[in-house]
Amino acid sequence: MPKKVTPEPTAQAVTPEPAKVLPVSPDYAQARRRVRTYKLFFAHAILFVAVNTLLLLIDVATGGGLWFYWPLFGWGIGLAAHAGIVWGAPRVHAWEERMITHEMRRQAQ
């Protein structure tokens, strides 16, 4: 007579223990965000230089009229706006905080 095979008991689902997140100070988090914005801006600037150099080489190699400066000009406006956001935003934020403090003091009087 064949031996009766009993199914193995099913394993219970194991829920992974949530990762322990160390508390991060607000100053650290803010500094990390600022460094990331600088990094993204510099990546944008490097890409700007590389692509526009390539466009200049293509323009010179193909002859005809010069046109490379049109994308250079348009993208340059975008890069300048990005720079204004990266380096201008902290000043605007500091001014905004000063104005909020000033307004709160005025209302408290």
N, C-alpha and C. Protein backbone atom coordinates (compact mmCIF):
# COMPACT_ATOMS: atom_id res chain seq x y z
N MET A 1 0.83 -1.16 0.00
CA MET A 1 0.00 0.00 0.00
C MET A 1 0.90 1.25 0.00
N PRO A 2 0.55 2.23 -0.88
CA PRO A 2 1.39 3.43 -0.94
C PRO A 2 1.29 4.24 0.34
N LYS A 3 2.40 4.83 0.63
CA LYS A 3 2.46 5.66 1.84
C LYS A 3 1.68 6.95 1.58
N LYS A 4 0.85 7.31 2.53
CA LYS A 4 0.04 8.52 2.40
C LYS A 4 0.91 9.74 2.70
N VAL A 5 0.88 10.68 1.76
CA VAL A 5 1.69 11.89 1.91
C VAL A 5 0.83 12.98 2.50
N THR A 6 1.28 13.51 3.57
CA THR A 6 0.55 14.61 4.19
C THR A 6 1.22 15.92 3.76
N PRO A 7 0.43 16.91 3.41
CA PRO A 7 1.03 18.17 2.99
C PRO A 7 1.75 18.84 4.15
N GLU A 8 2.82 19.51 3.79
CA GLU A 8 3.58 20.26 4.80
C GLU A 8 2.73 21.43 5.28
N PRO A 9 2.83 21.76 6.53
CA PRO A 9 2.09 22.93 6.99
C PRO A 9 2.61 24.18 6.28
N THR A 10 1.68 25.05 5.91
CA THR A 10 2.08 26.27 5.20
C THR A 10 2.77 27.21 6.17
N ALA A 11 3.77 27.86 5.65
CA ALA A 11 4.51 28.81 6.48
C ALA A 11 3.65 30.06 6.67
N GLN A 12 3.73 30.58 7.85
CA GLN A 12 2.98 31.80 8.12
C GLN A 12 3.72 32.97 7.48
N ALA A 13 2.94 33.90 7.02
CA ALA A 13 3.54 35.08 6.40
C ALA A 13 4.31 35.85 7.46
N VAL A 14 5.52 36.18 7.12
CA VAL A 14 6.37 36.92 8.04
C VAL A 14 6.38 38.37 7.58
N THR A 15 5.92 39.23 8.43
CA THR A 15 5.95 40.64 8.09
C THR A 15 7.28 41.21 8.55
N PRO A 16 7.96 41.89 7.65
CA PRO A 16 9.26 42.44 8.04
C PRO A 16 9.07 43.53 9.07
N GLU A 17 10.03 43.59 9.93
CA GLU A 17 10.01 44.63 10.96
C GLU A 17 10.33 45.96 10.28
N PRO A 18 9.57 46.99 10.59
CA PRO A 18 9.85 48.28 9.93
C PRO A 18 11.25 48.76 10.28
N ALA A 19 11.88 49.38 9.29
CA ALA A 19 13.23 49.90 9.51
C ALA A 19 13.18 51.00 10.55
N LYS A 20 14.17 50.99 11.37
CA LYS A 20 14.25 52.03 12.40
C LYS A 20 14.88 53.26 11.79
N VAL A 21 14.13 54.33 11.80
CA VAL A 21 14.61 55.58 11.23
C VAL A 21 15.14 56.44 12.36
N LEU A 22 16.37 56.84 12.20
CA LEU A 22 16.96 57.69 13.21
C LEU A 22 16.39 59.10 13.06
N PRO A 23 16.14 59.75 14.15
CA PRO A 23 15.61 61.11 14.04
C PRO A 23 16.65 62.04 13.40
N VAL A 24 16.16 62.86 12.51
CA VAL A 24 17.03 63.80 11.80
C VAL A 24 16.63 65.20 12.23
N SER A 25 17.63 65.98 12.56
CA SER A 25 17.32 67.34 13.00
C SER A 25 16.78 68.15 11.83
N PRO A 26 15.93 69.11 12.10
CA PRO A 26 15.41 69.96 11.02
C PRO A 26 16.53 70.72 10.29
N ASP A 27 17.58 71.10 11.03
CA ASP A 27 18.70 71.80 10.39
C ASP A 27 19.41 70.90 9.39
N TYR A 28 19.59 69.63 9.77
CA TYR A 28 20.24 68.68 8.87
C TYR A 28 19.38 68.47 7.61
N ALA A 29 18.08 68.30 7.82
CA ALA A 29 17.19 68.07 6.68
C ALA A 29 17.19 69.27 5.74
N GLN A 30 17.19 70.46 6.31
CA GLN A 30 17.21 71.67 5.47
C GLN A 30 18.54 71.78 4.72
N ALA A 31 19.66 71.50 5.40
CA ALA A 31 20.96 71.55 4.74
C ALA A 31 21.05 70.51 3.62
N ARG A 32 20.48 69.35 3.86
CA ARG A 32 20.49 68.30 2.83
C ARG A 32 19.69 68.73 1.60
N ARG A 33 18.54 69.37 1.83
CA ARG A 33 17.74 69.87 0.70
C ARG A 33 18.51 70.94 -0.08
N ARG A 34 19.20 71.84 0.64
CA ARG A 34 19.95 72.90 -0.03
C ARG A 34 21.08 72.31 -0.88
N VAL A 35 21.80 71.34 -0.33
CA VAL A 35 22.89 70.71 -1.08
C VAL A 35 22.34 70.03 -2.32
N ARG A 36 21.18 69.41 -2.20
CA ARG A 36 20.57 68.76 -3.36
C ARG A 36 20.20 69.79 -4.43
N THR A 37 19.70 70.95 -4.03
CA THR A 37 19.37 71.98 -5.03
C THR A 37 20.63 72.48 -5.74
N TYR A 38 21.74 72.63 -4.97
CA TYR A 38 23.00 73.03 -5.60
C TYR A 38 23.45 71.98 -6.61
N LYS A 39 23.37 70.71 -6.19
CA LYS A 39 23.81 69.62 -7.05
C LYS A 39 23.00 69.59 -8.35
N LEU A 40 21.69 69.75 -8.24
CA LEU A 40 20.85 69.75 -9.44
C LEU A 40 21.15 70.94 -10.35
N PHE A 41 21.43 72.09 -9.74
CA PHE A 41 21.76 73.26 -10.56
C PHE A 41 23.06 73.03 -11.32
N PHE A 42 24.08 72.51 -10.64
CA PHE A 42 25.36 72.29 -11.32
C PHE A 42 25.23 71.24 -12.41
N ALA A 43 24.40 70.23 -12.21
CA ALA A 43 24.14 69.24 -13.26
C ALA A 43 23.48 69.93 -14.46
N HIS A 44 22.54 70.83 -14.18
CA HIS A 44 21.87 71.59 -15.24
C HIS A 44 22.89 72.45 -16.00
N ALA A 45 23.79 73.10 -15.27
CA ALA A 45 24.79 73.97 -15.90
C ALA A 45 25.76 73.16 -16.77
N ILE A 46 26.17 71.99 -16.28
CA ILE A 46 27.09 71.15 -17.07
C ILE A 46 26.40 70.67 -18.34
N LEU A 47 25.14 70.28 -18.22
CA LEU A 47 24.39 69.85 -19.40
C LEU A 47 24.21 71.01 -20.38
N PHE A 48 23.97 72.19 -19.88
CA PHE A 48 23.84 73.39 -20.71
C PHE A 48 25.10 73.61 -21.53
N VAL A 49 26.26 73.56 -20.88
CA VAL A 49 27.53 73.79 -21.57
C VAL A 49 27.78 72.68 -22.59
N ALA A 50 27.56 71.42 -22.20
CA ALA A 50 27.84 70.30 -23.10
C ALA A 50 26.95 70.34 -24.34
N VAL A 51 25.66 70.51 -24.15
CA VAL A 51 24.73 70.50 -25.28
C VAL A 51 24.97 71.70 -26.19
N ASN A 52 25.19 72.86 -25.61
CA ASN A 52 25.39 74.04 -26.46
C ASN A 52 26.73 74.02 -27.18
N THR A 53 27.73 73.38 -26.58
CA THR A 53 29.00 73.18 -27.29
C THR A 53 28.78 72.27 -28.49
N LEU A 54 28.02 71.21 -28.28
CA LEU A 54 27.70 70.30 -29.38
C LEU A 54 26.92 71.02 -30.48
N LEU A 55 25.96 71.84 -30.09
CA LEU A 55 25.19 72.60 -31.09
C LEU A 55 26.09 73.56 -31.87
N LEU A 56 27.04 74.19 -31.19
CA LEU A 56 27.99 75.09 -31.86
C LEU A 56 28.81 74.30 -32.87
N LEU A 57 29.32 73.13 -32.48
CA LEU A 57 30.12 72.32 -33.40
C LEU A 57 29.30 71.88 -34.61
N ILE A 58 28.06 71.48 -34.37
CA ILE A 58 27.18 71.09 -35.49
C ILE A 58 26.93 72.28 -36.41
N ASP A 59 26.69 73.44 -35.82
CA ASP A 59 26.41 74.64 -36.60
C ASP A 59 27.61 75.01 -37.47
N VAL A 60 28.80 74.98 -36.89
CA VAL A 60 30.01 75.34 -37.64
C VAL A 60 30.29 74.29 -38.72
N ALA A 61 30.08 73.01 -38.40
CA ALA A 61 30.38 71.94 -39.35
C ALA A 61 29.42 71.93 -40.54
N THR A 62 28.17 72.29 -40.32
CA THR A 62 27.19 72.24 -41.42
C THR A 62 27.22 73.48 -42.28
N GLY A 63 27.79 74.54 -41.80
CA GLY A 63 27.85 75.76 -42.60
C GLY A 63 26.50 76.46 -42.62
N GLY A 64 26.35 77.35 -43.56
CA GLY A 64 25.11 78.13 -43.61
C GLY A 64 25.19 79.25 -42.59
N GLY A 65 24.05 79.72 -42.17
CA GLY A 65 24.02 80.79 -41.18
C GLY A 65 24.22 80.24 -39.78
N LEU A 66 24.68 81.10 -38.93
CA LEU A 66 24.84 80.70 -37.53
C LEU A 66 23.48 80.74 -36.83
N TRP A 67 23.16 79.67 -36.16
CA TRP A 67 21.87 79.58 -35.46
C TRP A 67 22.03 79.07 -34.03
N PHE A 68 23.23 78.63 -33.65
CA PHE A 68 23.41 77.99 -32.34
C PHE A 68 23.06 78.91 -31.18
N TYR A 69 23.17 80.21 -31.39
CA TYR A 69 22.94 81.15 -30.29
C TYR A 69 21.46 81.24 -29.89
N TRP A 70 20.53 80.83 -30.78
CA TRP A 70 19.11 80.89 -30.40
C TRP A 70 18.78 79.91 -29.28
N PRO A 71 19.14 78.62 -29.40
CA PRO A 71 18.89 77.75 -28.25
C PRO A 71 19.74 78.13 -27.04
N LEU A 72 20.96 78.65 -27.31
CA LEU A 72 21.82 79.09 -26.21
C LEU A 72 21.12 80.20 -25.42
N PHE A 73 20.55 81.14 -26.11
CA PHE A 73 19.86 82.26 -25.48
C PHE A 73 18.62 81.79 -24.72
N GLY A 74 17.79 80.97 -25.37
CA GLY A 74 16.57 80.50 -24.72
C GLY A 74 16.85 79.65 -23.49
N TRP A 75 17.77 78.71 -23.63
CA TRP A 75 18.11 77.84 -22.50
C TRP A 75 18.83 78.65 -21.42
N GLY A 76 19.61 79.66 -21.85
CA GLY A 76 20.30 80.52 -20.88
C GLY A 76 19.32 81.24 -19.97
N ILE A 77 18.18 81.65 -20.52
CA ILE A 77 17.14 82.28 -19.69
C ILE A 77 16.64 81.29 -18.65
N GLY A 78 16.41 80.04 -19.08
CA GLY A 78 15.97 79.01 -18.13
C GLY A 78 17.02 78.73 -17.07
N LEU A 79 18.29 78.69 -17.47
CA LEU A 79 19.37 78.44 -16.51
C LEU A 79 19.49 79.60 -15.52
N ALA A 80 19.33 80.82 -16.02
CA ALA A 80 19.37 81.98 -15.12
C ALA A 80 18.21 81.95 -14.13
N ALA A 81 17.04 81.54 -14.60
CA ALA A 81 15.89 81.42 -13.69
C ALA A 81 16.16 80.35 -12.64
N HIS A 82 16.76 79.24 -13.06
CA HIS A 82 17.09 78.18 -12.11
C HIS A 82 18.08 78.70 -11.07
N ALA A 83 19.09 79.47 -11.51
CA ALA A 83 20.05 80.05 -10.57
C ALA A 83 19.36 81.00 -9.60
N GLY A 84 18.41 81.77 -10.11
CA GLY A 84 17.66 82.68 -9.23
C GLY A 84 16.88 81.92 -8.17
N ILE A 85 16.34 80.77 -8.55
CA ILE A 85 15.60 79.96 -7.57
C ILE A 85 16.55 79.38 -6.54
N VAL A 86 17.70 78.89 -7.00
CA VAL A 86 18.64 78.24 -6.08
C VAL A 86 19.25 79.24 -5.11
N TRP A 87 19.73 80.36 -5.63
CA TRP A 87 20.41 81.31 -4.76
C TRP A 87 19.53 82.47 -4.30
N GLY A 88 18.42 82.68 -4.94
CA GLY A 88 17.54 83.77 -4.52
C GLY A 88 16.50 83.33 -3.51
N ALA A 89 16.09 82.06 -3.56
CA ALA A 89 15.03 81.57 -2.67
C ALA A 89 15.38 81.70 -1.19
N PRO A 90 16.61 81.40 -0.76
CA PRO A 90 16.91 81.57 0.67
C PRO A 90 16.75 83.01 1.13
N ARG A 91 17.12 83.95 0.28
CA ARG A 91 16.97 85.36 0.66
C ARG A 91 15.50 85.74 0.77
N VAL A 92 14.71 85.25 -0.18
CA VAL A 92 13.27 85.54 -0.15
C VAL A 92 12.66 84.90 1.09
N HIS A 93 13.06 83.67 1.39
CA HIS A 93 12.53 82.98 2.57
C HIS A 93 12.91 83.74 3.85
N ALA A 94 14.17 84.21 3.93
CA ALA A 94 14.60 84.95 5.12
C ALA A 94 13.81 86.25 5.24
N TRP A 95 13.60 86.94 4.11
CA TRP A 95 12.81 88.17 4.14
C TRP A 95 11.39 87.88 4.58
N GLU A 96 10.82 86.79 4.07
CA GLU A 96 9.45 86.42 4.44
C GLU A 96 9.35 86.13 5.93
N GLU A 97 10.32 85.43 6.48
CA GLU A 97 10.31 85.15 7.92
C GLU A 97 10.41 86.43 8.73
N ARG A 98 11.26 87.37 8.28
CA ARG A 98 11.37 88.66 8.99
C ARG A 98 10.06 89.42 8.95
N MET A 99 9.39 89.40 7.80
CA MET A 99 8.12 90.11 7.67
C MET A 99 7.02 89.46 8.53
N ILE A 100 7.02 88.15 8.61
CA ILE A 100 6.04 87.45 9.46
C ILE A 100 6.26 87.82 10.91
N THR A 101 7.53 87.81 11.34
CA THR A 101 7.85 88.19 12.72
C THR A 101 7.43 89.63 12.99
N HIS A 102 7.72 90.51 12.04
CA HIS A 102 7.35 91.92 12.19
C HIS A 102 5.84 92.07 12.29
N GLU A 103 5.11 91.38 11.44
CA GLU A 103 3.64 91.48 11.43
C GLU A 103 3.06 90.92 12.72
N MET A 104 3.63 89.83 13.24
CA MET A 104 3.13 89.24 14.49
C MET A 104 3.35 90.20 15.66
N ARG A 105 4.51 90.86 15.67
CA ARG A 105 4.79 91.84 16.74
C ARG A 105 3.82 93.03 16.63
N ARG A 106 3.57 93.46 15.40
CA ARG A 106 2.65 94.59 15.20
C ARG A 106 1.25 94.25 15.68
N GLN A 107 0.81 93.05 15.37
CA GLN A 107 -0.54 92.64 15.78
C GLN A 107 -0.65 92.44 17.28
N ALA A 108 0.46 92.10 17.93
CA ALA A 108 0.44 91.88 19.38
C ALA A 108 0.33 93.18 20.16
N GLN A 109 0.60 94.30 19.53
CA GLN A 109 0.57 95.57 20.23
C GLN A 109 -0.84 96.05 20.48
